[in-house]
PDB file of N, CA and C in Angstrom:
ATOM      1  N   MET A   1     -60.392  88.297 -17.195  1.00  0.00           N
ATOM      2  CA  MET A   1     -61.206  88.981 -16.200  1.00  0.00           C
ATOM      3  C   MET A   1     -62.676  88.708 -16.512  1.00  0.00           C
ATOM      4  N   PRO A   2     -63.446  88.322 -15.478  1.00  0.00           N
ATOM      5  CA  PRO A   2     -64.866  88.034 -15.725  1.00  0.00           C
ATOM      6  C   PRO A   2     -65.636  89.295 -16.074  1.00  0.00           C
ATOM      7  N   ASN A   3     -66.624  89.120 -16.856  1.00  0.00           N
ATOM      8  CA  ASN A   3     -67.460  90.256 -17.237  1.00  0.00           C
ATOM      9  C   ASN A   3     -68.621  90.394 -16.251  1.00  0.00           C
ATOM     10  N   PHE A   4     -69.189  91.579 -16.191  1.00  0.00           N
ATOM     11  CA  PHE A   4     -70.236  91.883 -15.216  1.00  0.00           C
ATOM     12  C   PHE A   4     -71.406  90.913 -15.311  1.00  0.00           C
ATOM     13  N   ASP A   5     -71.819  90.561 -16.514  1.00  0.00           N
ATOM     14  CA  ASP A   5     -72.967  89.662 -16.680  1.00  0.00           C
ATOM     15  C   ASP A   5     -72.701  88.286 -16.080  1.00  0.00           C
ATOM     16  N   ASP A   6     -71.435  87.851 -16.092  1.00  0.00           N
ATOM     17  CA  ASP A   6     -71.086  86.561 -15.499  1.00  0.00           C
ATOM     18  C   ASP A   6     -71.204  86.598 -13.970  1.00  0.00           C
ATOM     19  N   LEU A   7     -71.048  87.767 -13.394  1.00  0.00           N
ATOM     20  CA  LEU A   7     -71.076  87.904 -11.934  1.00  0.00           C
ATOM     21  C   LEU A   7     -72.458  88.227 -11.378  1.00  0.00           C
ATOM     22  N   LYS A   8     -73.393  88.591 -12.238  1.00  0.00           N
ATOM     23  CA  LYS A   8     -74.704  89.060 -11.777  1.00  0.00           C
ATOM     24  C   LYS A   8     -75.395  88.084 -10.836  1.00  0.00           C
ATOM     25  N   GLU A   9     -75.269  86.803 -11.077  1.00  0.00           N
ATOM     26  CA  GLU A   9     -75.978  85.828 -10.253  1.00  0.00           C
ATOM     27  C   GLU A   9     -75.497  85.828  -8.805  1.00  0.00           C
ATOM     28  N   TYR A  10     -74.312  86.394  -8.555  1.00  0.00           N
ATOM     29  CA  TYR A  10     -73.753  86.421  -7.209  1.00  0.00           C
ATOM     30  C   TYR A  10     -74.018  87.733  -6.468  1.00  0.00           C
ATOM     31  N   LEU A  11     -74.610  88.688  -7.136  1.00  0.00           N
ATOM     32  CA  LEU A  11     -74.818  90.008  -6.549  1.00  0.00           C
ATOM     33  C   LEU A  11     -76.226  90.147  -5.977  1.00  0.00           C
ATOM     34  N   THR A  12     -76.326  90.961  -4.939  1.00  0.00           N
ATOM     35  CA  THR A  12     -77.639  91.277  -4.396  1.00  0.00           C
ATOM     36  C   THR A  12     -78.305  92.298  -5.325  1.00  0.00           C
ATOM     37  N   PRO A  13     -79.619  92.405  -5.268  1.00  0.00           N
ATOM     38  CA  PRO A  13     -80.293  93.417  -6.098  1.00  0.00           C
ATOM     39  C   PRO A  13     -79.788  94.832  -5.813  1.00  0.00           C
ATOM     40  N   GLU A  14     -79.440  95.112  -4.560  1.00  0.00           N
ATOM     41  CA  GLU A  14     -78.950  96.440  -4.205  1.00  0.00           C
ATOM     42  C   GLU A  14     -77.610  96.725  -4.877  1.00  0.00           C
ATOM     43  N   THR A  15     -76.759  95.721  -4.921  1.00  0.00           N
ATOM     44  CA  THR A  15     -75.462  95.879  -5.573  1.00  0.00           C
ATOM     45  C   THR A  15     -75.642  96.074  -7.070  1.00  0.00           C
ATOM     46  N   GLU A  16     -76.540  95.302  -7.662  1.00  0.00           N
ATOM     47  CA  GLU A  16     -76.831  95.465  -9.083  1.00  0.00           C
ATOM     48  C   GLU A  16     -77.345  96.869  -9.374  1.00  0.00           C
ATOM     49  N   ASN A  17     -78.231  97.384  -8.503  1.00  0.00           N
ATOM     50  CA  ASN A  17     -78.753  98.745  -8.685  1.00  0.00           C
ATOM     51  C   ASN A  17     -77.646  99.786  -8.571  1.00  0.00           C
ATOM     52  N   ALA A  18     -76.746  99.582  -7.616  1.00  0.00           N
ATOM     53  CA  ALA A  18     -75.640 100.527  -7.441  1.00  0.00           C
ATOM     54  C   ALA A  18     -74.739 100.536  -8.677  1.00  0.00           C
ATOM     55  N   ILE A  19     -74.451  99.373  -9.210  1.00  0.00           N
ATOM     56  CA  ILE A  19     -73.622  99.290 -10.414  1.00  0.00           C
ATOM     57  C   ILE A  19     -74.327  99.947 -11.590  1.00  0.00           C
ATOM     58  N   SER A  20     -75.605  99.707 -11.707  1.00  0.00           N
ATOM     59  CA  SER A  20     -76.392 100.331 -12.779  1.00  0.00           C
ATOM     60  C   SER A  20     -76.382 101.855 -12.646  1.00  0.00           C
ATOM     61  N   ASP A  21     -76.531 102.351 -11.417  1.00  0.00           N
ATOM     62  CA  ASP A  21     -76.496 103.799 -11.173  1.00  0.00           C
ATOM     63  C   ASP A  21     -75.140 104.389 -11.549  1.00  0.00           C
ATOM     64  N   LEU A  22     -74.066 103.685 -11.211  1.00  0.00           N
ATOM     65  CA  LEU A  22     -72.722 104.167 -11.549  1.00  0.00           C
ATOM     66  C   LEU A  22     -72.514 104.212 -13.059  1.00  0.00           C
ATOM     67  N   LYS A  23     -73.027 103.220 -13.756  1.00  0.00           N
ATOM     68  CA  LYS A  23     -72.927 103.223 -15.219  1.00  0.00           C
ATOM     69  C   LYS A  23     -73.684 104.415 -15.802  1.00  0.00           C
ATOM     70  N   GLU A  24     -74.862 104.708 -15.233  1.00  0.00           N
ATOM     71  CA  GLU A  24     -75.654 105.846 -15.692  1.00  0.00           C
ATOM     72  C   GLU A  24     -74.903 107.158 -15.448  1.00  0.00           C
ATOM     73  N   LEU A  25     -74.316 107.304 -14.258  1.00  0.00           N
ATOM     74  CA  LEU A  25     -73.537 108.509 -13.936  1.00  0.00           C
ATOM     75  C   LEU A  25     -72.365 108.663 -14.899  1.00  0.00           C
ATOM     76  N   ASN A  26     -71.683 107.572 -15.168  1.00  0.00           N
ATOM     77  CA  ASN A  26     -70.544 107.616 -16.080  1.00  0.00           C
ATOM     78  C   ASN A  26     -70.979 108.050 -17.477  1.00  0.00           C
ATOM     79  N   ALA A  27     -72.101 107.539 -17.950  1.00  0.00           N
ATOM     80  CA  ALA A  27     -72.589 107.903 -19.285  1.00  0.00           C
ATOM     81  C   ALA A  27     -72.926 109.393 -19.356  1.00  0.00           C
ATOM     82  N   ILE A  28     -73.571 109.912 -18.311  1.00  0.00           N
ATOM     83  CA  ILE A  28     -73.935 111.333 -18.295  1.00  0.00           C
ATOM     84  C   ILE A  28     -72.677 112.203 -18.224  1.00  0.00           C
ATOM     85  N   LEU A  29     -71.715 111.803 -17.387  1.00  0.00           N
ATOM     86  CA  LEU A  29     -70.463 112.564 -17.282  1.00  0.00           C
ATOM     87  C   LEU A  29     -69.705 112.566 -18.605  1.00  0.00           C
ATOM     88  N   THR A  30     -69.747 111.465 -19.310  1.00  0.00           N
ATOM     89  CA  THR A  30     -69.108 111.403 -20.625  1.00  0.00           C
ATOM     90  C   THR A  30     -69.747 112.405 -21.570  1.00  0.00           C
ATOM     91  N   GLU A  31     -71.071 112.507 -21.523  1.00  0.00           N
ATOM     92  CA  GLU A  31     -71.782 113.460 -22.382  1.00  0.00           C
ATOM     93  C   GLU A  31     -71.491 114.899 -21.971  1.00  0.00           C
ATOM     94  N   ILE A  32     -71.396 115.152 -20.664  1.00  0.00           N
ATOM     95  CA  ILE A  32     -71.060 116.496 -20.190  1.00  0.00           C
ATOM     96  C   ILE A  32     -69.669 116.874 -20.691  1.00  0.00           C
ATOM     97  N   ARG A  33     -68.748 115.950 -20.609  1.00  0.00           N
ATOM     98  CA  ARG A  33     -67.378 116.197 -21.076  1.00  0.00           C
ATOM     99  C   ARG A  33     -67.381 116.486 -22.573  1.00  0.00           C
ATOM    100  N   LYS A  34     -68.211 115.780 -23.341  1.00  0.00           N
ATOM    101  CA  LYS A  34     -68.297 116.025 -24.787  1.00  0.00           C
ATOM    102  C   LYS A  34     -68.857 117.421 -25.072  1.00  0.00           C
ATOM    103  N   THR A  35     -69.818 117.849 -24.248  1.00  0.00           N
ATOM    104  CA  THR A  35     -70.440 119.159 -24.427  1.00  0.00           C
ATOM    105  C   THR A  35     -69.448 120.280 -24.139  1.00  0.00           C
ATOM    106  N   ASP A  36     -68.619 120.094 -23.100  1.00  0.00           N
ATOM    107  CA  ASP A  36     -67.636 121.109 -22.719  1.00  0.00           C
ATOM    108  C   ASP A  36     -66.284 120.440 -22.520  1.00  0.00           C
ATOM    109  N   SER A  37     -65.529 120.331 -23.577  1.00  0.00           N
ATOM    110  CA  SER A  37     -64.248 119.629 -23.524  1.00  0.00           C
ATOM    111  C   SER A  37     -63.197 120.372 -22.700  1.00  0.00           C
ATOM    112  N   SER A  38     -63.478 121.604 -22.308  1.00  0.00           N
ATOM    113  CA  SER A  38     -62.518 122.366 -21.509  1.00  0.00           C
ATOM    114  C   SER A  38     -62.562 121.983 -20.023  1.00  0.00           C
ATOM    115  N   LEU A  39     -63.516 121.156 -19.618  1.00  0.00           N
ATOM    116  CA  LEU A  39     -63.621 120.770 -18.211  1.00  0.00           C
ATOM    117  C   LEU A  39     -62.446 119.886 -17.805  1.00  0.00           C
ATOM    118  N   SER A  40     -61.803 120.261 -16.717  1.00  0.00           N
ATOM    119  CA  SER A  40     -60.692 119.462 -16.191  1.00  0.00           C
ATOM    120  C   SER A  40     -61.246 118.317 -15.343  1.00  0.00           C
ATOM    121  N   GLU A  41     -60.379 117.374 -15.025  1.00  0.00           N
ATOM    122  CA  GLU A  41     -60.782 116.259 -14.160  1.00  0.00           C
ATOM    123  C   GLU A  41     -61.237 116.773 -12.793  1.00  0.00           C
ATOM    124  N   SER A  42     -60.528 117.772 -12.270  1.00  0.00           N
ATOM    125  CA  SER A  42     -60.901 118.301 -10.954  1.00  0.00           C
ATOM    126  C   SER A  42     -62.246 119.018 -11.021  1.00  0.00           C
ATOM    127  N   ARG A  43     -62.518 119.683 -12.127  1.00  0.00           N
ATOM    128  CA  ARG A  43     -63.817 120.361 -12.283  1.00  0.00           C
ATOM    129  C   ARG A  43     -64.935 119.333 -12.392  1.00  0.00           C
ATOM    130  N   LEU A  44     -64.696 118.251 -13.126  1.00  0.00           N
ATOM    131  CA  LEU A  44     -65.696 117.183 -13.204  1.00  0.00           C
ATOM    132  C   LEU A  44     -65.939 116.566 -11.828  1.00  0.00           C
ATOM    133  N   ALA A  45     -64.873 116.403 -11.053  1.00  0.00           N
ATOM    134  CA  ALA A  45     -65.012 115.869  -9.695  1.00  0.00           C
ATOM    135  C   ALA A  45     -65.863 116.801  -8.831  1.00  0.00           C
ATOM    136  N   GLN A  46     -65.699 118.111  -9.004  1.00  0.00           N
ATOM    137  CA  GLN A  46     -66.529 119.074  -8.269  1.00  0.00           C
ATOM    138  C   GLN A  46     -67.997 118.960  -8.682  1.00  0.00           C
ATOM    139  N   ILE A  47     -68.231 118.760  -9.966  1.00  0.00           N
ATOM    140  CA  ILE A  47     -69.610 118.613 -10.457  1.00  0.00           C
ATOM    141  C   ILE A  47     -70.240 117.354  -9.858  1.00  0.00           C
ATOM    142  N   VAL A  48     -69.478 116.265  -9.820  1.00  0.00           N
ATOM    143  CA  VAL A  48     -69.988 115.022  -9.231  1.00  0.00           C
ATOM    144  C   VAL A  48     -70.285 115.213  -7.747  1.00  0.00           C
ATOM    145  N   SER A  49     -69.382 115.884  -7.044  1.00  0.00           N
ATOM    146  CA  SER A  49     -69.594 116.153  -5.624  1.00  0.00           C
ATOM    147  C   SER A  49     -70.865 116.976  -5.430  1.00  0.00           C
ATOM    148  N   GLY A  50     -71.035 117.986  -6.276  1.00  0.00           N
ATOM    149  CA  GLY A  50     -72.251 118.798  -6.227  1.00  0.00           C
ATOM    150  C   GLY A  50     -73.492 117.982  -6.529  1.00  0.00           C
ATOM    151  N   ALA A  51     -73.352 116.991  -7.406  1.00  0.00           N
ATOM    152  CA  ALA A  51     -74.487 116.137  -7.758  1.00  0.00           C
ATOM    153  C   ALA A  51     -74.962 115.339  -6.549  1.00  0.00           C
ATOM    154  N   PHE A  52     -74.012 114.770  -5.816  1.00  0.00           N
ATOM    155  CA  PHE A  52     -74.395 113.998  -4.638  1.00  0.00           C
ATOM    156  C   PHE A  52     -74.938 114.895  -3.536  1.00  0.00           C
ATOM    157  N   GLY A  53     -74.366 116.096  -3.404  1.00  0.00           N
ATOM    158  CA  GLY A  53     -74.880 117.044  -2.412  1.00  0.00           C
ATOM    159  C   GLY A  53     -76.299 117.481  -2.731  1.00  0.00           C
ATOM    160  N   ALA A  54     -76.541 117.824  -3.993  1.00  0.00           N
ATOM    161  CA  ALA A  54     -77.878 118.255  -4.408  1.00  0.00           C
ATOM    162  C   ALA A  54     -78.870 117.106  -4.306  1.00  0.00           C
ATOM    163  N   ALA A  55     -78.423 115.909  -4.665  1.00  0.00           N
ATOM    164  CA  ALA A  55     -79.304 114.744  -4.592  1.00  0.00           C
ATOM    165  C   ALA A  55     -79.765 114.518  -3.153  1.00  0.00           C
ATOM    166  N   GLY A  56     -78.816 114.606  -2.232  1.00  0.00           N
ATOM    167  CA  GLY A  56     -79.171 114.430  -0.828  1.00  0.00           C
ATOM    168  C   GLY A  56     -80.061 115.544  -0.307  1.00  0.00           C
ATOM    169  N   GLN A  57     -79.776 116.763  -0.728  1.00  0.00           N
ATOM    170  CA  GLN A  57     -80.533 117.916  -0.255  1.00  0.00           C
ATOM    171  C   GLN A  57     -81.972 117.903  -0.766  1.00  0.00           C
ATOM    172  N   TYR A  58     -82.149 117.488  -2.012  1.00  0.00           N
ATOM    173  CA  TYR A  58     -83.476 117.555  -2.628  1.00  0.00           C
ATOM    174  C   TYR A  58     -84.164 116.201  -2.747  1.00  0.00           C
ATOM    175  N   GLY A  59     -83.524 115.154  -2.229  1.00  0.00           N
ATOM    176  CA  GLY A  59     -84.139 113.833  -2.274  1.00  0.00           C
ATOM    177  C   GLY A  59     -84.257 113.263  -3.677  1.00  0.00           C
ATOM    178  N   ARG A  60     -83.275 113.564  -4.503  1.00  0.00           N
ATOM    179  CA  ARG A  60     -83.271 113.079  -5.888  1.00  0.00           C
ATOM    180  C   ARG A  60     -82.017 112.251  -6.125  1.00  0.00           C
ATOM    181  N   LYS A  61     -81.915 111.662  -7.293  1.00  0.00           N
ATOM    182  CA  LYS A  61     -80.723 110.901  -7.661  1.00  0.00           C
ATOM    183  C   LYS A  61     -79.658 111.851  -8.209  1.00  0.00           C
ATOM    184  N   ALA A  62     -78.404 111.494  -7.980  1.00  0.00           N
ATOM    185  CA  ALA A  62     -77.306 112.289  -8.525  1.00  0.00           C
ATOM    186  C   ALA A  62     -77.414 112.356 -10.046  1.00  0.00           C
ATOM    187  N   ALA A  63     -77.897 111.296 -10.656  1.00  0.00           N
ATOM    188  CA  ALA A  63     -78.058 111.275 -12.119  1.00  0.00           C
ATOM    189  C   ALA A  63     -79.064 112.324 -12.584  1.00  0.00           C
ATOM    190  N   ASP A  64     -80.085 112.594 -11.778  1.00  0.00           N
ATOM    191  CA  ASP A  64     -81.067 113.630 -12.134  1.00  0.00           C
ATOM    192  C   ASP A  64     -80.379 114.994 -12.222  1.00  0.00           C
ATOM    193  N   TYR A  65     -79.535 115.270 -11.233  1.00  0.00           N
ATOM    194  CA  TYR A  65     -78.801 116.537 -11.205  1.00  0.00           C
ATOM    195  C   TYR A  65     -77.850 116.624 -12.394  1.00  0.00           C
ATOM    196  N   LEU A  66     -77.085 115.560 -12.630  1.00  0.00           N
ATOM    197  CA  LEU A  66     -76.129 115.575 -13.734  1.00  0.00           C
ATOM    198  C   LEU A  66     -76.829 115.707 -15.081  1.00  0.00           C
ATOM    199  N   ALA A  67     -77.982 115.072 -15.232  1.00  0.00           N
ATOM    200  CA  ALA A  67     -78.733 115.205 -16.483  1.00  0.00           C
ATOM    201  C   ALA A  67     -79.192 116.652 -16.672  1.00  0.00           C
ATOM    202  N   ALA A  68     -79.573 117.301 -15.573  1.00  0.00           N
ATOM    203  CA  ALA A  68     -79.979 118.705 -15.652  1.00  0.00           C
ATOM    204  C   ALA A  68     -78.778 119.596 -15.993  1.00  0.00           C
ATOM    205  N   VAL A  69     -77.600 119.294 -15.437  1.00  0.00           N
ATOM    206  CA  VAL A  69     -76.378 120.025 -15.781  1.00  0.00           C
ATOM    207  C   VAL A  69     -76.095 119.851 -17.272  1.00  0.00           C
ATOM    208  N   GLN A  70     -76.238 118.635 -17.739  1.00  0.00           N
ATOM    209  CA  GLN A  70     -75.988 118.336 -19.148  1.00  0.00           C
ATOM    210  C   GLN A  70     -76.928 119.136 -20.051  1.00  0.00           C
ATOM    211  N   GLU A  71     -78.209 119.141 -19.724  1.00  0.00           N
ATOM    212  CA  GLU A  71     -79.191 119.881 -20.530  1.00  0.00           C
ATOM    213  C   GLU A  71     -78.905 121.381 -20.528  1.00  0.00           C
ATOM    214  N   ALA A  72     -78.602 121.934 -19.350  1.00  0.00           N
ATOM    215  CA  ALA A  72     -78.324 123.368 -19.253  1.00  0.00           C
ATOM    216  C   ALA A  72     -77.048 123.721 -20.019  1.00  0.00           C
ATOM    217  N   SER A  73     -76.066 122.854 -19.950  1.00  0.00           N
ATOM    218  CA  SER A  73     -74.820 123.084 -20.670  1.00  0.00           C
ATOM    219  C   SER A  73     -75.053 123.055 -22.179  1.00  0.00           C
ATOM    220  N   ARG A  74     -75.839 122.095 -22.623  1.00  0.00           N
ATOM    221  CA  ARG A  74     -76.165 122.003 -24.052  1.00  0.00           C
ATOM    222  C   ARG A  74     -76.939 123.227 -24.527  1.00  0.00           C
ATOM    223  N   ALA A  75     -77.747 123.780 -23.627  1.00  0.00           N
ATOM    224  CA  ALA A  75     -78.545 124.955 -23.979  1.00  0.00           C
ATOM    225  C   ALA A  75     -77.703 126.240 -23.977  1.00  0.00           C
ATOM    226  N   GLY A  76     -76.464 126.123 -23.531  1.00  0.00           N
ATOM    227  CA  GLY A  76     -75.565 127.266 -23.580  1.00  0.00           C
ATOM    228  C   GLY A  76     -75.481 128.086 -22.309  1.00  0.00           C
ATOM    229  N   TYR A  77     -76.090 127.627 -21.220  1.00  0.00           N
ATOM    230  CA  TYR A  77     -76.011 128.370 -19.962  1.00  0.00           C
ATOM    231  C   TYR A  77     -74.614 128.260 -19.372  1.00  0.00           C
ATOM    232  N   GLU A  78     -74.058 129.385 -18.950  1.00  0.00           N
ATOM    233  CA  GLU A  78     -72.734 129.383 -18.323  1.00  0.00           C
ATOM    234  C   GLU A  78     -72.785 128.781 -16.929  1.00  0.00           C
ATOM    235  N   ASP A  79     -73.871 129.004 -16.212  1.00  0.00           N
ATOM    236  CA  ASP A  79     -74.028 128.468 -14.855  1.00  0.00           C
ATOM    237  C   ASP A  79     -74.943 127.239 -14.905  1.00  0.00           C
ATOM    238  N   ALA A  80     -74.487 126.218 -15.605  1.00  0.00           N
ATOM    239  CA  ALA A  80     -75.308 125.017 -15.779  1.00  0.00           C
ATOM    240  C   ALA A  80     -75.645 124.363 -14.437  1.00  0.00           C
ATOM    241  N   GLU A  81     -74.715 124.425 -13.491  1.00  0.00           N
ATOM    242  CA  GLU A  81     -74.977 123.821 -12.181  1.00  0.00           C
ATOM    243  C   GLU A  81     -76.066 124.569 -11.417  1.00  0.00           C
ATOM    244  N   GLY A  82     -76.041 125.889 -11.509  1.00  0.00           N
ATOM    245  CA  GLY A  82     -77.086 126.689 -10.859  1.00  0.00           C
ATOM    246  C   GLY A  82     -78.452 126.415 -11.473  1.00  0.00           C
ATOM    247  N   ILE A  83     -78.493 126.312 -12.772  1.00  0.00           N
ATOM    248  CA  ILE A  83     -79.750 125.981 -13.463  1.00  0.00           C
ATOM    249  C   ILE A  83     -80.216 124.598 -13.049  1.00  0.00           C
ATOM    250  N   ALA A  84     -79.271 123.659 -12.940  1.00  0.00           N
ATOM    251  CA  ALA A  84     -79.619 122.288 -12.542  1.00  0.00           C
ATOM    252  C   ALA A  84     -80.241 122.269 -11.151  1.00  0.00           C
ATOM    253  N   ARG A  85     -79.662 123.022 -10.227  1.00  0.00           N
ATOM    254  CA  ARG A  85     -80.241 123.071  -8.865  1.00  0.00           C
ATOM    255  C   ARG A  85     -81.671 123.623  -8.892  1.00  0.00           C
ATOM    256  N   LEU A  86     -81.868 124.641  -9.704  1.00  0.00           N
ATOM    257  CA  LEU A  86     -83.218 125.216  -9.802  1.00  0.00           C
ATOM    258  C   LEU A  86     -84.216 124.226 -10.384  1.00  0.00           C
ATOM    259  N   SER A  87     -83.742 123.364 -11.259  1.00  0.00           N
ATOM    260  CA  SER A  87     -84.659 122.425 -11.918  1.00  0.00           C
ATOM    261  C   SER A  87     -85.045 121.254 -11.019  1.00  0.00           C
ATOM    262  N   LEU A  88     -84.269 121.030  -9.957  1.00  0.00           N
ATOM    263  CA  LEU A  88     -84.598 119.931  -9.052  1.00  0.00           C
ATOM    264  C   LEU A  88     -85.743 120.358  -8.176  1.00  0.00           C
TER     265      LEU A  88
END
């Protein structure tokens, strides 16, 4: 299977940006999962859905929202998503 770097020359800049954004989202979600290992797959899916909703509502990137969720979770807030929305 070809690796991503081998395919880069065939991708548009927009596609490259989208792939980069997805990698960033995946990295943040991995960290969120490490912070709270009790999160189920369905709960993580809800957080991602909320990230895209908040991003659209506030004109920010989903990664910004997820990073804020991650920070609030690390700080011990039970309502990390609510804190994240306030921080946007």
